[in-house]
Amino acid sequence: MNVLLVLYVSVLILLQLVAINGNGFSTQYRGHTQHPTLAGHCYYEELDLAVPLNGEILPVNHEDYCVKVLCADDYLLMIKHCEPQPFPLPGCQLSPGNYGVQFPECCPQLECPTRA
């Protein structure tokens, strides 16, 4: 019986964490990202991008990537993702991301029908 209670409580806690966090995260940090061949730049491996120190890049046309990539003067790479969206209410849905436009316009949006 105690095992079932622990399992039940664990599931409830997990569901609460998921509800709080929505469907994603917004910023990642990566240290030691100095570009191997281009001085004064960070290197974003996933998209093979050189980001200037104290600069940013808004990549487009990369499937499944809607990000803003920033490089701090200590070669700390900051990858800003779309903000988490709340779970859709009945009748609502998340639009697909539009990877042909820059961040944040490429982020999925919560779409709900208007009520008359």
C-alpha atoms as a PDB file:
ATOM      1  CA  MET A   1       0.000   0.000   0.000  1.00  0.00           C
ATOM      2  CA  ASN A   2       2.834   2.435   0.833  1.00  0.00           C
ATOM      3  CA  VAL A   3       4.409   1.810  -2.566  1.00  0.00           C
ATOM      4  CA  LEU A   4       1.176   2.801  -4.314  1.00  0.00           C
ATOM      5  CA  LEU A   5       0.889   5.941  -2.205  1.00  0.00           C
ATOM      6  CA  VAL A   6       4.472   6.952  -2.997  1.00  0.00           C
ATOM      7  CA  LEU A   7       3.867   6.288  -6.699  1.00  0.00           C
ATOM      8  CA  TYR A   8       0.640   8.314  -6.636  1.00  0.00           C
ATOM      9  CA  VAL A   9       2.290  11.269  -4.881  1.00  0.00           C
ATOM     10  CA  SER A  10       5.258  11.116  -7.277  1.00  0.00           C
ATOM     11  CA  VAL A  11       2.941  11.247 -10.283  1.00  0.00           C
ATOM     12  CA  LEU A  12       1.067  14.223  -8.803  1.00  0.00           C
ATOM     13  CA  ILE A  13       4.310  16.111  -8.192  1.00  0.00           C
ATOM     14  CA  LEU A  14       5.511  15.352 -11.723  1.00  0.00           C
ATOM     15  CA  LEU A  15       2.237  16.598 -13.195  1.00  0.00           C
ATOM     16  CA  GLN A  16       2.502  19.816 -11.197  1.00  0.00           C
ATOM     17  CA  LEU A  17       6.053  20.406 -12.400  1.00  0.00           C
ATOM     18  CA  VAL A  18       4.990  19.849 -15.995  1.00  0.00           C
ATOM     19  CA  ALA A  19       2.075  22.257 -15.571  1.00  0.00           C
ATOM     20  CA  ILE A  20       4.355  24.922 -14.099  1.00  0.00           C
ATOM     21  CA  ASN A  21       7.029  24.560 -16.756  1.00  0.00           C
ATOM     22  CA  GLY A  22       4.664  24.415 -19.718  1.00  0.00           C
ATOM     23  CA  ASN A  23       6.162  22.905 -22.839  1.00  0.00           C
ATOM     24  CA  GLY A  24       9.754  24.088 -22.815  1.00  0.00           C
ATOM     25  CA  PHE A  25      12.454  26.308 -21.426  1.00  0.00           C
ATOM     26  CA  SER A  26      13.594  29.729 -22.481  1.00  0.00           C
ATOM     27  CA  THR A  27      17.382  30.153 -22.088  1.00  0.00           C
ATOM     28  CA  GLN A  28      20.370  27.812 -22.234  1.00  0.00           C
ATOM     29  CA  TYR A  29      23.889  28.778 -21.203  1.00  0.00           C
ATOM     30  CA  ARG A  30      27.109  27.198 -22.479  1.00  0.00           C
ATOM     31  CA  GLY A  31      30.588  28.132 -21.379  1.00  0.00           C
ATOM     32  CA  HIS A  32      33.925  27.778 -23.166  1.00  0.00           C
ATOM     33  CA  THR A  33      32.491  28.190 -26.666  1.00  0.00           C
ATOM     34  CA  GLN A  34      35.420  30.021 -28.270  1.00  0.00           C
ATOM     35  CA  HIS A  35      35.399  29.445 -32.024  1.00  0.00           C
ATOM     36  CA  PRO A  36      38.296  27.121 -32.963  1.00  0.00           C
ATOM     37  CA  THR A  37      39.437  29.118 -36.020  1.00  0.00           C
ATOM     38  CA  LEU A  38      37.780  32.550 -35.855  1.00  0.00           C
ATOM     39  CA  ALA A  39      39.156  34.908 -33.193  1.00  0.00           C
ATOM     40  CA  GLY A  40      36.680  36.996 -31.242  1.00  0.00           C
ATOM     41  CA  HIS A  41      33.741  34.662 -31.830  1.00  0.00           C
ATOM     42  CA  CYS A  42      31.757  32.021 -29.990  1.00  0.00           C
ATOM     43  CA  TYR A  43      30.886  28.821 -31.809  1.00  0.00           C
ATOM     44  CA  TYR A  44      27.338  27.428 -31.821  1.00  0.00           C
ATOM     45  CA  GLU A  45      27.924  23.829 -32.860  1.00  0.00           C
ATOM     46  CA  GLU A  46      24.320  22.792 -33.506  1.00  0.00           C
ATOM     47  CA  LEU A  47      23.980  25.189 -36.433  1.00  0.00           C
ATOM     48  CA  ASP A  48      27.697  25.644 -37.224  1.00  0.00           C
ATOM     49  CA  LEU A  49      27.499  29.389 -36.512  1.00  0.00           C
ATOM     50  CA  ALA A  50      30.147  31.927 -35.549  1.00  0.00           C
ATOM     51  CA  VAL A  51      28.697  34.516 -33.168  1.00  0.00           C
ATOM     52  CA  PRO A  52      30.749  37.704 -32.602  1.00  0.00           C
ATOM     53  CA  LEU A  53      31.796  38.530 -29.040  1.00  0.00           C
ATOM     54  CA  ASN A  54      29.160  40.760 -27.438  1.00  0.00           C
ATOM     55  CA  GLY A  55      26.978  40.127 -30.472  1.00  0.00           C
ATOM     56  CA  GLU A  56      23.973  38.074 -31.445  1.00  0.00           C
ATOM     57  CA  ILE A  57      22.680  36.059 -34.362  1.00  0.00           C
ATOM     58  CA  LEU A  58      19.054  35.389 -35.272  1.00  0.00           C
ATOM     59  CA  PRO A  59      19.285  32.311 -37.510  1.00  0.00           C
ATOM     60  CA  VAL A  60      16.485  31.528 -39.963  1.00  0.00           C
ATOM     61  CA  ASN A  61      15.583  28.564 -42.159  1.00  0.00           C
ATOM     62  CA  HIS A  62      16.918  25.927 -39.770  1.00  0.00           C
ATOM     63  CA  GLU A  63      14.241  23.285 -39.235  1.00  0.00           C
ATOM     64  CA  ASP A  64      13.177  23.026 -35.584  1.00  0.00           C
ATOM     65  CA  TYR A  65      15.368  25.976 -34.519  1.00  0.00           C
ATOM     66  CA  CYS A  66      13.751  29.203 -33.405  1.00  0.00           C
ATOM     67  CA  VAL A  67      16.453  30.866 -31.313  1.00  0.00           C
ATOM     68  CA  LYS A  68      18.440  34.004 -30.623  1.00  0.00           C
ATOM     69  CA  VAL A  69      22.121  33.211 -29.993  1.00  0.00           C
ATOM     70  CA  LEU A  70      24.244  35.677 -27.988  1.00  0.00           C
ATOM     71  CA  CYS A  71      27.968  35.589 -27.197  1.00  0.00           C
ATOM     72  CA  ALA A  72      29.287  37.294 -24.043  1.00  0.00           C
ATOM     73  CA  ASP A  73      32.838  38.634 -23.777  1.00  0.00           C
ATOM     74  CA  ASP A  74      33.914  35.592 -21.738  1.00  0.00           C
ATOM     75  CA  TYR A  75      32.786  33.221 -24.528  1.00  0.00           C
ATOM     76  CA  LEU A  76      29.588  32.350 -22.711  1.00  0.00           C
ATOM     77  CA  LEU A  77      26.993  31.385 -25.289  1.00  0.00           C
ATOM     78  CA  MET A  78      23.366  32.174 -24.450  1.00  0.00           C
ATOM     79  CA  ILE A  79      20.690  30.481 -26.523  1.00  0.00           C
ATOM     80  CA  LYS A  80      17.294  32.107 -26.096  1.00  0.00           C
ATOM     81  CA  HIS A  81      14.403  29.801 -27.007  1.00  0.00           C
ATOM     82  CA  CYS A  82      10.703  30.458 -27.382  1.00  0.00           C
ATOM     83  CA  GLU A  83       8.923  31.151 -24.113  1.00  0.00           C
ATOM     84  CA  PRO A  84       6.957  28.250 -22.669  1.00  0.00           C
ATOM     85  CA  GLN A  85       3.299  28.321 -23.626  1.00  0.00           C
ATOM     86  CA  PRO A  86       0.496  27.264 -21.311  1.00  0.00           C
ATOM     87  CA  PHE A  87      -1.231  24.009 -22.028  1.00  0.00           C
ATOM     88  CA  PRO A  88      -3.979  24.731 -24.558  1.00  0.00           C
ATOM     89  CA  LEU A  89      -7.541  24.942 -23.338  1.00  0.00           C
ATOM     90  CA  PRO A  90     -10.122  22.794 -25.121  1.00  0.00           C
ATOM     91  CA  GLY A  91     -10.510  24.118 -28.655  1.00  0.00           C
ATOM     92  CA  CYS A  92      -7.119  25.870 -28.612  1.00  0.00           C
ATOM     93  CA  GLN A  93      -3.865  24.713 -30.185  1.00  0.00           C
ATOM     94  CA  LEU A  94      -0.258  25.750 -30.641  1.00  0.00           C
ATOM     95  CA  SER A  95       0.546  26.989 -34.129  1.00  0.00           C
ATOM     96  CA  PRO A  96       3.551  25.411 -35.844  1.00  0.00           C
ATOM     97  CA  GLY A  97       6.769  27.396 -35.700  1.00  0.00           C
ATOM     98  CA  ASN A  98       7.664  29.449 -38.771  1.00  0.00           C
ATOM     99  CA  TYR A  99      11.394  28.825 -39.214  1.00  0.00           C
ATOM    100  CA  GLY A 100      11.594  31.218 -42.165  1.00  0.00           C
ATOM    101  CA  VAL A 101      11.402  34.295 -39.904  1.00  0.00           C
ATOM    102  CA  GLN A 102      13.635  35.540 -37.095  1.00  0.00           C
ATOM    103  CA  PHE A 103      13.195  35.031 -33.375  1.00  0.00           C
ATOM    104  CA  PRO A 104      10.741  35.614 -31.696  1.00  0.00           C
ATOM    105  CA  GLU A 105       8.312  35.711 -34.641  1.00  0.00           C
ATOM    106  CA  CYS A 106       9.241  32.095 -35.451  1.00  0.00           C
ATOM    107  CA  CYS A 107       7.866  30.870 -32.098  1.00  0.00           C
ATOM    108  CA  PRO A 108       4.650  28.833 -31.965  1.00  0.00           C
ATOM    109  CA  GLN A 109       1.662  30.822 -30.756  1.00  0.00           C
ATOM    110  CA  LEU A 110      -1.375  29.750 -28.788  1.00  0.00           C
ATOM    111  CA  GLU A 111      -4.377  29.974 -31.105  1.00  0.00           C
ATOM    112  CA  CYS A 112      -7.904  29.910 -29.752  1.00  0.00           C
ATOM    113  CA  PRO A 113     -11.104  30.436 -31.705  1.00  0.00           C
ATOM    114  CA  THR A 114     -12.811  33.721 -30.982  1.00  0.00           C
ATOM    115  CA  ARG A 115     -16.110  33.430 -29.199  1.00  0.00           C
ATOM    116  CA  ALA A 116     -19.102  35.202 -30.673  1.00  0.00           C
END
